[in-house]
Amino acid sequence: MFSDVLKAQAQAILESCRKRGVKIATAESCTGGLISGCLTEVAGSSDVVDRGFVTYSNEAKIELVNVPAGLIEEFGAVSEDVARAMAEGALAGSRADYAVSVTGIAGPGGGTASKPVGLVHMACSGRDRPTQHERHVFAGDRSQVREQTVARALRLLDEALSG
């Protein structure tokens, strides 16, 4: 299901978490749970992966990870502000030490001039650490955008773990 590269990346993150004694959570929109799926593809991941929130709809973002409705209204679901709020909400609503979030437009439709298909905002939050944000515009079809999002989100999480 996941490439060997992604599985190796997930394995490295899990090992890093074990060494540090930390747990992780995810809050995913455009990937629909693929980040959690990639992490849990590795046997024994239950000692590190606390939980994953699939927050595909705006209502799910508000209800599951406490994204303020006003942020979605003002900036849109695909925005830096919402990605940050998703990561921080996943952290607050879990027993995890780190949380990663993604929100984007995987396509093929839904894009605009200011928010094109392939646009993804992601964030990583850690307890007692500032939330990190990245904005990307990935090329390719829906599957390629989602796969690139998973890969980059795992890297963002790995970078946060590395300090």
N, C-alpha and C. Protein backbone atom coordinates (compact mmCIF):
# COMPACT_ATOMS: atom_id res chain seq x y z
N MET A 1 0.82 -1.19 0.00
CA MET A 1 0.00 0.00 0.00
C MET A 1 0.86 1.26 0.00
N PHE A 2 1.85 1.34 0.88
CA PHE A 2 2.75 2.49 0.93
C PHE A 2 4.10 2.07 0.35
N SER A 3 4.79 3.02 -0.26
CA SER A 3 6.10 2.73 -0.85
C SER A 3 7.09 2.33 0.25
N ASP A 4 8.13 1.64 -0.17
CA ASP A 4 9.18 1.26 0.77
C ASP A 4 9.83 2.49 1.39
N VAL A 5 9.93 3.57 0.62
CA VAL A 5 10.53 4.81 1.13
C VAL A 5 9.68 5.38 2.26
N LEU A 6 8.36 5.44 2.04
CA LEU A 6 7.47 5.97 3.09
C LEU A 6 7.47 5.07 4.32
N LYS A 7 7.47 3.75 4.10
CA LYS A 7 7.50 2.84 5.25
C LYS A 7 8.79 2.99 6.05
N ALA A 8 9.91 3.18 5.37
CA ALA A 8 11.19 3.38 6.06
C ALA A 8 11.17 4.69 6.83
N GLN A 9 10.58 5.71 6.23
CA GLN A 9 10.45 7.00 6.90
C GLN A 9 9.60 6.87 8.16
N ALA A 10 8.49 6.16 8.05
CA ALA A 10 7.61 5.94 9.21
C ALA A 10 8.35 5.15 10.29
N GLN A 11 9.07 4.12 9.90
CA GLN A 11 9.83 3.30 10.84
C GLN A 11 10.84 4.15 11.60
N ALA A 12 11.54 5.04 10.89
CA ALA A 12 12.54 5.90 11.52
C ALA A 12 11.89 6.84 12.53
N ILE A 13 10.73 7.37 12.20
CA ILE A 13 10.02 8.25 13.12
C ILE A 13 9.59 7.49 14.37
N LEU A 14 9.07 6.31 14.19
CA LEU A 14 8.63 5.50 15.33
C LEU A 14 9.81 5.17 16.25
N GLU A 15 10.94 4.84 15.65
CA GLU A 15 12.13 4.54 16.46
C GLU A 15 12.60 5.78 17.22
N SER A 16 12.57 6.92 16.55
CA SER A 16 12.95 8.17 17.19
C SER A 16 12.02 8.49 18.36
N CYS A 17 10.74 8.27 18.18
CA CYS A 17 9.77 8.49 19.27
C CYS A 17 10.02 7.56 20.44
N ARG A 18 10.31 6.31 20.15
CA ARG A 18 10.58 5.34 21.22
C ARG A 18 11.80 5.76 22.03
N LYS A 19 12.86 6.20 21.35
CA LYS A 19 14.07 6.63 22.05
C LYS A 19 13.80 7.80 22.97
N ARG A 20 12.88 8.68 22.55
CA ARG A 20 12.56 9.88 23.34
C ARG A 20 11.41 9.65 24.31
N GLY A 21 10.73 8.51 24.18
CA GLY A 21 9.60 8.22 25.05
C GLY A 21 8.40 9.13 24.78
N VAL A 22 8.17 9.45 23.49
CA VAL A 22 7.06 10.34 23.14
C VAL A 22 6.05 9.65 22.23
N LYS A 23 4.85 10.20 22.24
CA LYS A 23 3.75 9.71 21.41
C LYS A 23 3.37 10.80 20.40
N ILE A 24 2.71 10.36 19.32
CA ILE A 24 2.30 11.29 18.28
C ILE A 24 0.82 11.12 17.94
N ALA A 25 0.25 12.21 17.42
CA ALA A 25 -1.12 12.22 16.93
C ALA A 25 -1.13 12.92 15.58
N THR A 26 -2.18 12.67 14.80
CA THR A 26 -2.33 13.32 13.51
C THR A 26 -3.72 13.95 13.41
N ALA A 27 -3.80 15.02 12.64
CA ALA A 27 -5.08 15.63 12.27
C ALA A 27 -5.01 15.84 10.76
N GLU A 28 -5.83 15.10 10.03
CA GLU A 28 -5.70 15.07 8.58
C GLU A 28 -6.99 15.44 7.88
N SER A 29 -6.85 16.28 6.87
CA SER A 29 -7.98 16.60 6.01
C SER A 29 -7.75 15.99 4.63
N CYS A 30 -6.94 16.59 3.80
CA CYS A 30 -6.79 16.14 2.41
C CYS A 30 -6.22 14.74 2.28
N THR A 31 -5.52 14.25 3.28
CA THR A 31 -4.95 12.90 3.21
C THR A 31 -5.89 11.84 3.79
N GLY A 32 -6.96 12.25 4.44
CA GLY A 32 -7.97 11.32 4.89
C GLY A 32 -7.49 10.17 5.74
N GLY A 33 -6.42 10.36 6.50
CA GLY A 33 -5.91 9.31 7.38
C GLY A 33 -4.69 8.58 6.86
N LEU A 34 -4.17 9.00 5.72
CA LEU A 34 -3.01 8.30 5.14
C LEU A 34 -1.75 8.42 5.99
N ILE A 35 -1.57 9.54 6.68
CA ILE A 35 -0.38 9.69 7.53
C ILE A 35 -0.44 8.68 8.67
N SER A 36 -1.59 8.62 9.33
CA SER A 36 -1.77 7.62 10.39
C SER A 36 -1.64 6.21 9.82
N GLY A 37 -2.22 6.02 8.63
CA GLY A 37 -2.14 4.71 7.99
C GLY A 37 -0.72 4.30 7.70
N CYS A 38 0.10 5.24 7.27
CA CYS A 38 1.50 4.95 6.98
C CYS A 38 2.26 4.60 8.26
N LEU A 39 2.02 5.37 9.30
CA LEU A 39 2.68 5.09 10.58
C LEU A 39 2.26 3.73 11.14
N THR A 40 0.97 3.43 11.05
CA THR A 40 0.47 2.17 11.62
C THR A 40 0.66 0.98 10.69
N GLU A 41 1.19 1.23 9.50
CA GLU A 41 1.59 0.14 8.61
C GLU A 41 2.77 -0.63 9.23
N VAL A 42 3.50 0.04 10.10
CA VAL A 42 4.66 -0.56 10.76
C VAL A 42 4.18 -1.32 11.99
N ALA A 43 4.50 -2.58 12.06
CA ALA A 43 4.10 -3.41 13.20
C ALA A 43 4.66 -2.83 14.49
N GLY A 44 3.86 -2.84 15.53
CA GLY A 44 4.30 -2.35 16.83
C GLY A 44 4.16 -0.86 17.02
N SER A 45 3.52 -0.18 16.09
CA SER A 45 3.40 1.28 16.15
C SER A 45 2.47 1.77 17.26
N SER A 46 1.71 0.87 17.85
CA SER A 46 0.73 1.28 18.86
C SER A 46 1.36 1.86 20.11
N ASP A 47 2.64 1.63 20.33
CA ASP A 47 3.29 2.22 21.50
C ASP A 47 3.68 3.68 21.27
N VAL A 48 3.55 4.15 20.03
CA VAL A 48 3.93 5.53 19.69
C VAL A 48 2.73 6.34 19.18
N VAL A 49 1.93 5.75 18.31
CA VAL A 49 0.80 6.47 17.71
C VAL A 49 -0.36 6.48 18.70
N ASP A 50 -0.66 7.66 19.22
CA ASP A 50 -1.75 7.78 20.20
C ASP A 50 -3.10 7.76 19.52
N ARG A 51 -3.28 8.62 18.51
CA ARG A 51 -4.55 8.67 17.78
C ARG A 51 -4.40 9.52 16.53
N GLY A 52 -5.38 9.33 15.65
CA GLY A 52 -5.45 10.12 14.42
C GLY A 52 -6.85 10.67 14.25
N PHE A 53 -6.93 11.93 13.92
CA PHE A 53 -8.21 12.59 13.66
C PHE A 53 -8.33 12.81 12.15
N VAL A 54 -9.38 12.28 11.55
CA VAL A 54 -9.66 12.57 10.15
C VAL A 54 -10.72 13.67 10.16
N THR A 55 -10.29 14.86 9.79
CA THR A 55 -11.14 16.04 9.88
C THR A 55 -11.37 16.60 8.48
N TYR A 56 -12.03 15.81 7.67
CA TYR A 56 -12.21 16.16 6.26
C TYR A 56 -13.16 17.33 6.09
N SER A 57 -14.22 17.35 6.87
CA SER A 57 -15.20 18.45 6.75
C SER A 57 -14.83 19.58 7.70
N ASN A 58 -15.38 20.76 7.43
CA ASN A 58 -15.17 21.88 8.34
C ASN A 58 -15.74 21.57 9.71
N GLU A 59 -16.90 20.91 9.73
CA GLU A 59 -17.53 20.55 11.01
C GLU A 59 -16.63 19.63 11.82
N ALA A 60 -15.97 18.70 11.16
CA ALA A 60 -15.06 17.79 11.86
C ALA A 60 -13.87 18.55 12.44
N LYS A 61 -13.37 19.52 11.68
CA LYS A 61 -12.26 20.33 12.19
C LYS A 61 -12.68 21.06 13.47
N ILE A 62 -13.89 21.60 13.45
CA ILE A 62 -14.41 22.34 14.60
C ILE A 62 -14.69 21.40 15.77
N GLU A 63 -15.37 20.30 15.50
CA GLU A 63 -15.82 19.40 16.57
C GLU A 63 -14.73 18.50 17.14
N LEU A 64 -13.85 18.00 16.29
CA LEU A 64 -12.86 17.02 16.75
C LEU A 64 -11.56 17.63 17.26
N VAL A 65 -11.12 18.71 16.63
CA VAL A 65 -9.84 19.30 17.05
C VAL A 65 -9.97 20.77 17.41
N ASN A 66 -11.20 21.19 17.64
CA ASN A 66 -11.49 22.53 18.18
C ASN A 66 -10.93 23.69 17.37
N VAL A 67 -10.96 23.56 16.04
CA VAL A 67 -10.60 24.71 15.20
C VAL A 67 -11.71 25.74 15.35
N PRO A 68 -11.40 26.96 15.73
CA PRO A 68 -12.45 27.98 15.83
C PRO A 68 -13.13 28.21 14.48
N ALA A 69 -14.45 28.20 14.47
CA ALA A 69 -15.21 28.39 13.24
C ALA A 69 -14.81 29.70 12.56
N GLY A 70 -14.50 30.71 13.36
CA GLY A 70 -14.11 32.01 12.81
C GLY A 70 -12.85 31.95 11.97
N LEU A 71 -11.92 31.04 12.31
CA LEU A 71 -10.70 30.90 11.49
C LEU A 71 -11.05 30.36 10.11
N ILE A 72 -11.94 29.38 10.08
CA ILE A 72 -12.34 28.80 8.79
C ILE A 72 -13.08 29.84 7.97
N GLU A 73 -13.96 30.59 8.61
CA GLU A 73 -14.71 31.63 7.90
C GLU A 73 -13.79 32.72 7.36
N GLU A 74 -12.81 33.14 8.15
CA GLU A 74 -11.93 34.23 7.75
C GLU A 74 -10.86 33.82 6.75
N PHE A 75 -10.22 32.67 6.99
CA PHE A 75 -9.07 32.29 6.17
C PHE A 75 -9.33 31.11 5.24
N GLY A 76 -10.41 30.37 5.46
CA GLY A 76 -10.69 29.17 4.69
C GLY A 76 -10.07 27.95 5.35
N ALA A 77 -10.64 26.79 5.03
CA ALA A 77 -10.15 25.55 5.63
C ALA A 77 -8.72 25.24 5.22
N VAL A 78 -8.34 25.66 4.03
CA VAL A 78 -6.98 25.42 3.54
C VAL A 78 -6.19 26.71 3.77
N SER A 79 -5.60 26.79 4.96
CA SER A 79 -4.86 27.99 5.34
C SER A 79 -3.87 27.66 6.44
N GLU A 80 -2.91 28.55 6.60
CA GLU A 80 -1.93 28.39 7.67
C GLU A 80 -2.61 28.38 9.03
N ASP A 81 -3.53 29.31 9.23
CA ASP A 81 -4.19 29.43 10.54
C ASP A 81 -4.92 28.15 10.92
N VAL A 82 -5.61 27.56 9.96
CA VAL A 82 -6.36 26.33 10.25
C VAL A 82 -5.41 25.16 10.46
N ALA A 83 -4.36 25.06 9.67
CA ALA A 83 -3.38 23.98 9.87
C ALA A 83 -2.77 24.06 11.26
N ARG A 84 -2.40 25.25 11.69
CA ARG A 84 -1.84 25.42 13.03
C ARG A 84 -2.86 25.03 14.10
N ALA A 85 -4.09 25.49 13.94
CA ALA A 85 -5.13 25.18 14.92
C ALA A 85 -5.42 23.68 14.96
N MET A 86 -5.36 23.02 13.81
CA MET A 86 -5.58 21.57 13.77
C MET A 86 -4.50 20.83 14.56
N ALA A 87 -3.24 21.20 14.34
CA ALA A 87 -2.15 20.53 15.05
C ALA A 87 -2.25 20.79 16.55
N GLU A 88 -2.51 22.03 16.92
CA GLU A 88 -2.61 22.37 18.34
C GLU A 88 -3.83 21.71 18.98
N GLY A 89 -4.94 21.61 18.23
CA GLY A 89 -6.13 20.94 18.75
C GLY A 89 -5.94 19.45 18.90
N ALA A 90 -5.22 18.83 17.96
CA ALA A 90 -4.93 17.40 18.07
C ALA A 90 -4.04 17.12 19.27
N LEU A 91 -3.10 18.00 19.51
CA LEU A 91 -2.22 17.86 20.67
C LEU A 91 -3.02 17.99 21.96
N ALA A 92 -3.88 19.00 22.02
CA ALA A 92 -4.67 19.24 23.22
C ALA A 92 -5.68 18.12 23.46
N GLY A 93 -6.18 17.51 22.39
CA GLY A 93 -7.19 16.48 22.52
C GLY A 93 -6.66 15.07 22.53
N SER A 94 -5.38 14.93 22.86
CA SER A 94 -4.76 13.60 22.86
C SER A 94 -3.76 13.50 24.01
N ARG A 95 -3.14 12.36 24.09
CA ARG A 95 -2.06 12.15 25.06
C ARG A 95 -0.70 12.21 24.37
N ALA A 96 -0.72 12.74 23.16
CA ALA A 96 0.51 12.81 22.37
C ALA A 96 1.39 13.96 22.83
N ASP A 97 2.66 13.84 22.49
CA ASP A 97 3.64 14.89 22.76
C ASP A 97 3.87 15.75 21.53
N TYR A 98 3.57 15.20 20.35
CA TYR A 98 3.68 15.89 19.08
C TYR A 98 2.46 15.57 18.23
N ALA A 99 2.02 16.56 17.46
CA ALA A 99 0.92 16.34 16.52
C ALA A 99 1.26 17.01 15.20
N VAL A 100 0.90 16.35 14.12
CA VAL A 100 1.09 16.89 12.79
C VAL A 100 -0.28 17.01 12.13
N SER A 101 -0.48 18.09 11.35
CA SER A 101 -1.74 18.29 10.67
C SER A 101 -1.52 18.66 9.22
N VAL A 102 -2.52 18.32 8.38
CA VAL A 102 -2.48 18.71 6.97
C VAL A 102 -3.88 19.10 6.53
N THR A 103 -3.95 20.14 5.71
CA THR A 103 -5.19 20.57 5.09
C THR A 103 -4.84 21.11 3.71
N GLY A 104 -5.54 20.65 2.69
CA GLY A 104 -5.16 21.06 1.35
C GLY A 104 -6.21 20.75 0.30
N ILE A 105 -5.82 21.00 -0.94
CA ILE A 105 -6.69 20.77 -2.10
C ILE A 105 -6.00 19.73 -2.98
N ALA A 106 -6.44 18.48 -2.87
CA ALA A 106 -5.80 17.39 -3.61
C ALA A 106 -6.26 17.31 -5.06
N GLY A 107 -7.41 17.89 -5.37
CA GLY A 107 -7.90 17.90 -6.74
C GLY A 107 -8.72 16.67 -7.10
N PRO A 108 -9.12 16.52 -8.33
CA PRO A 108 -8.73 17.38 -9.44
C PRO A 108 -9.45 18.74 -9.44
N GLY A 109 -10.57 18.87 -8.77
CA GLY A 109 -11.29 20.14 -8.72
C GLY A 109 -11.03 20.84 -7.40
N GLY A 110 -11.70 21.98 -7.24
CA GLY A 110 -11.65 22.70 -5.98
C GLY A 110 -10.63 23.81 -5.90
N GLY A 111 -9.75 23.90 -6.86
CA GLY A 111 -8.73 24.93 -6.82
C GLY A 111 -9.22 26.27 -7.33
N THR A 112 -8.55 27.32 -6.92
CA THR A 112 -8.81 28.68 -7.39
C THR A 112 -7.47 29.33 -7.72
N ALA A 113 -7.51 30.55 -8.21
CA ALA A 113 -6.26 31.25 -8.52
C ALA A 113 -5.40 31.44 -7.28
N SER A 114 -6.02 31.76 -6.15
CA SER A 114 -5.26 32.00 -4.93
C SER A 114 -4.98 30.72 -4.14
N LYS A 115 -5.80 29.69 -4.39
CA LYS A 115 -5.61 28.40 -3.72
C LYS A 115 -5.71 27.30 -4.78
N PRO A 116 -4.59 27.05 -5.48
CA PRO A 116 -4.61 26.08 -6.58
C PRO A 116 -4.66 24.64 -6.10
N VAL A 117 -5.06 23.76 -7.01
CA VAL A 117 -4.97 22.32 -6.73
C VAL A 117 -3.52 22.01 -6.40
N GLY A 118 -3.31 21.23 -5.38
CA GLY A 118 -1.96 20.88 -4.93
C GLY A 118 -1.50 21.69 -3.73
N LEU A 119 -2.25 22.77 -3.40
CA LEU A 119 -1.89 23.58 -2.23
C LEU A 119 -2.16 22.80 -0.95
N VAL A 120 -1.15 22.73 -0.10
CA VAL A 120 -1.28 22.05 1.18
C VAL A 120 -0.60 22.89 2.26
N HIS A 121 -1.33 23.09 3.34
CA HIS A 121 -0.75 23.71 4.54
C HIS A 121 -0.60 22.59 5.55
N MET A 122 0.55 22.54 6.21
CA MET A 122 0.77 21.53 7.25
C MET A 122 1.43 22.20 8.44
N ALA A 123 1.20 21.59 9.60
CA ALA A 123 1.78 22.13 10.82
C ALA A 123 2.16 20.99 11.74
N CYS A 124 3.13 21.27 12.60
CA CYS A 124 3.55 20.31 13.61
C CYS A 124 3.67 21.06 14.93
N SER A 125 3.02 20.51 15.93
CA SER A 125 3.00 21.12 17.25
C SER A 125 3.55 20.14 18.27
N GLY A 126 4.30 20.66 19.20
CA GLY A 126 4.83 19.83 20.28
C GLY A 126 4.58 20.51 21.61
N ARG A 127 4.44 19.72 22.64
CA ARG A 127 4.23 20.31 23.97
C ARG A 127 5.44 21.20 24.31
N ASP A 128 5.17 22.41 24.74
CA ASP A 128 6.21 23.37 25.11
C ASP A 128 7.14 23.72 23.95
N ARG A 129 6.61 23.65 22.73
CA ARG A 129 7.39 24.02 21.54
C ARG A 129 6.49 24.86 20.64
N PRO A 130 7.05 25.81 19.93
CA PRO A 130 6.23 26.58 19.00
C PRO A 130 5.77 25.70 17.84
N THR A 131 4.59 25.98 17.34
CA THR A 131 4.04 25.24 16.21
C THR A 131 4.75 25.67 14.93
N GLN A 132 5.20 24.69 14.16
CA GLN A 132 5.87 24.95 12.89
C GLN A 132 4.85 24.79 11.76
N HIS A 133 4.99 25.60 10.73
CA HIS A 133 4.07 25.57 9.59
C HIS A 133 4.85 25.52 8.29
N GLU A 134 4.29 24.82 7.31
CA GLU A 134 4.83 24.83 5.96
C GLU A 134 3.69 24.93 4.96
N ARG A 135 3.97 25.62 3.87
CA ARG A 135 3.03 25.73 2.75
C ARG A 135 3.69 25.12 1.53
N HIS A 136 2.96 24.26 0.84
CA HIS A 136 3.49 23.61 -0.36
C HIS A 136 2.45 23.65 -1.46
N VAL A 137 2.90 23.66 -2.69
CA VAL A 137 2.03 23.42 -3.83
C VAL A 137 2.64 22.23 -4.57
N PHE A 138 2.03 21.07 -4.38
CA PHE A 138 2.53 19.84 -4.97
C PHE A 138 1.96 19.64 -6.37
N ALA A 139 2.77 19.10 -7.26
CA ALA A 139 2.35 18.83 -8.63
C ALA A 139 1.81 17.41 -8.74
N GLY A 140 1.01 17.19 -9.76
CA GLY A 140 0.53 15.85 -10.04
C GLY A 140 -0.95 15.69 -9.84
N ASP A 141 -1.40 14.46 -9.99
CA ASP A 141 -2.82 14.16 -9.81
C ASP A 141 -3.13 13.99 -8.33
N ARG A 142 -4.37 13.69 -8.02
CA ARG A 142 -4.83 13.58 -6.64
C ARG A 142 -3.96 12.63 -5.82
N SER A 143 -3.70 11.45 -6.35
CA SER A 143 -2.89 10.46 -5.62
C SER A 143 -1.48 10.97 -5.37
N GLN A 144 -0.91 11.62 -6.36
CA GLN A 144 0.45 12.15 -6.21
C GLN A 144 0.51 13.28 -5.19
N VAL A 145 -0.48 14.15 -5.20
CA VAL A 145 -0.53 15.24 -4.22
C VAL A 145 -0.63 14.66 -2.81
N ARG A 146 -1.49 13.68 -2.65
CA ARG A 146 -1.67 13.08 -1.32
C ARG A 146 -0.40 12.34 -0.87
N GLU A 147 0.24 11.62 -1.78
CA GLU A 147 1.47 10.90 -1.42
C GLU A 147 2.59 11.87 -1.03
N GLN A 148 2.74 12.95 -1.80
CA GLN A 148 3.75 13.95 -1.47
C GLN A 148 3.45 14.62 -0.14
N THR A 149 2.17 14.80 0.15
CA THR A 149 1.77 15.40 1.42
C THR A 149 2.15 14.50 2.58
N VAL A 150 1.89 13.21 2.45
CA VAL A 150 2.27 12.26 3.51
C VAL A 150 3.78 12.30 3.73
N ALA A 151 4.54 12.25 2.64
CA ALA A 151 6.00 12.24 2.75
C ALA A 151 6.52 13.50 3.44
N ARG A 152 6.00 14.64 3.04
CA ARG A 152 6.50 15.89 3.64
C ARG A 152 6.04 16.04 5.07
N ALA A 153 4.82 15.62 5.38
CA ALA A 153 4.33 15.70 6.76
C ALA A 153 5.16 14.80 7.68
N LEU A 154 5.55 13.63 7.19
CA LEU A 154 6.42 12.76 7.99
C LEU A 154 7.78 13.42 8.21
N ARG A 155 8.29 14.09 7.18
CA ARG A 155 9.57 14.79 7.34
C ARG A 155 9.45 15.93 8.34
N LEU A 156 8.34 16.66 8.28
CA LEU A 156 8.12 17.76 9.22
C LEU A 156 8.08 17.23 10.65
N LEU A 157 7.41 16.13 10.85
CA LEU A 157 7.35 15.50 12.17
C LEU A 157 8.74 15.03 12.60
N ASP A 158 9.49 14.43 11.70
CA ASP A 158 10.84 13.97 12.02
C ASP A 158 11.75 15.16 12.39
N GLU A 159 11.62 16.26 11.66
CA GLU A 159 12.41 17.45 11.97
C GLU A 159 12.07 18.00 13.35
N ALA A 160 10.80 17.98 13.70
CA ALA A 160 10.38 18.45 15.03
C ALA A 160 10.96 17.56 16.12
N LEU A 161 10.96 16.26 15.87
CA LEU A 161 11.51 15.32 16.84
C LEU A 161 13.02 15.50 17.01
N SER A 162 13.68 15.88 15.93
CA SER A 162 15.13 16.06 15.96
C SER A 162 15.53 17.37 16.64
N GLY A 163 14.56 18.25 16.82
CA GLY A 163 14.82 19.52 17.50
C GLY A 163 15.35 20.55 16.57
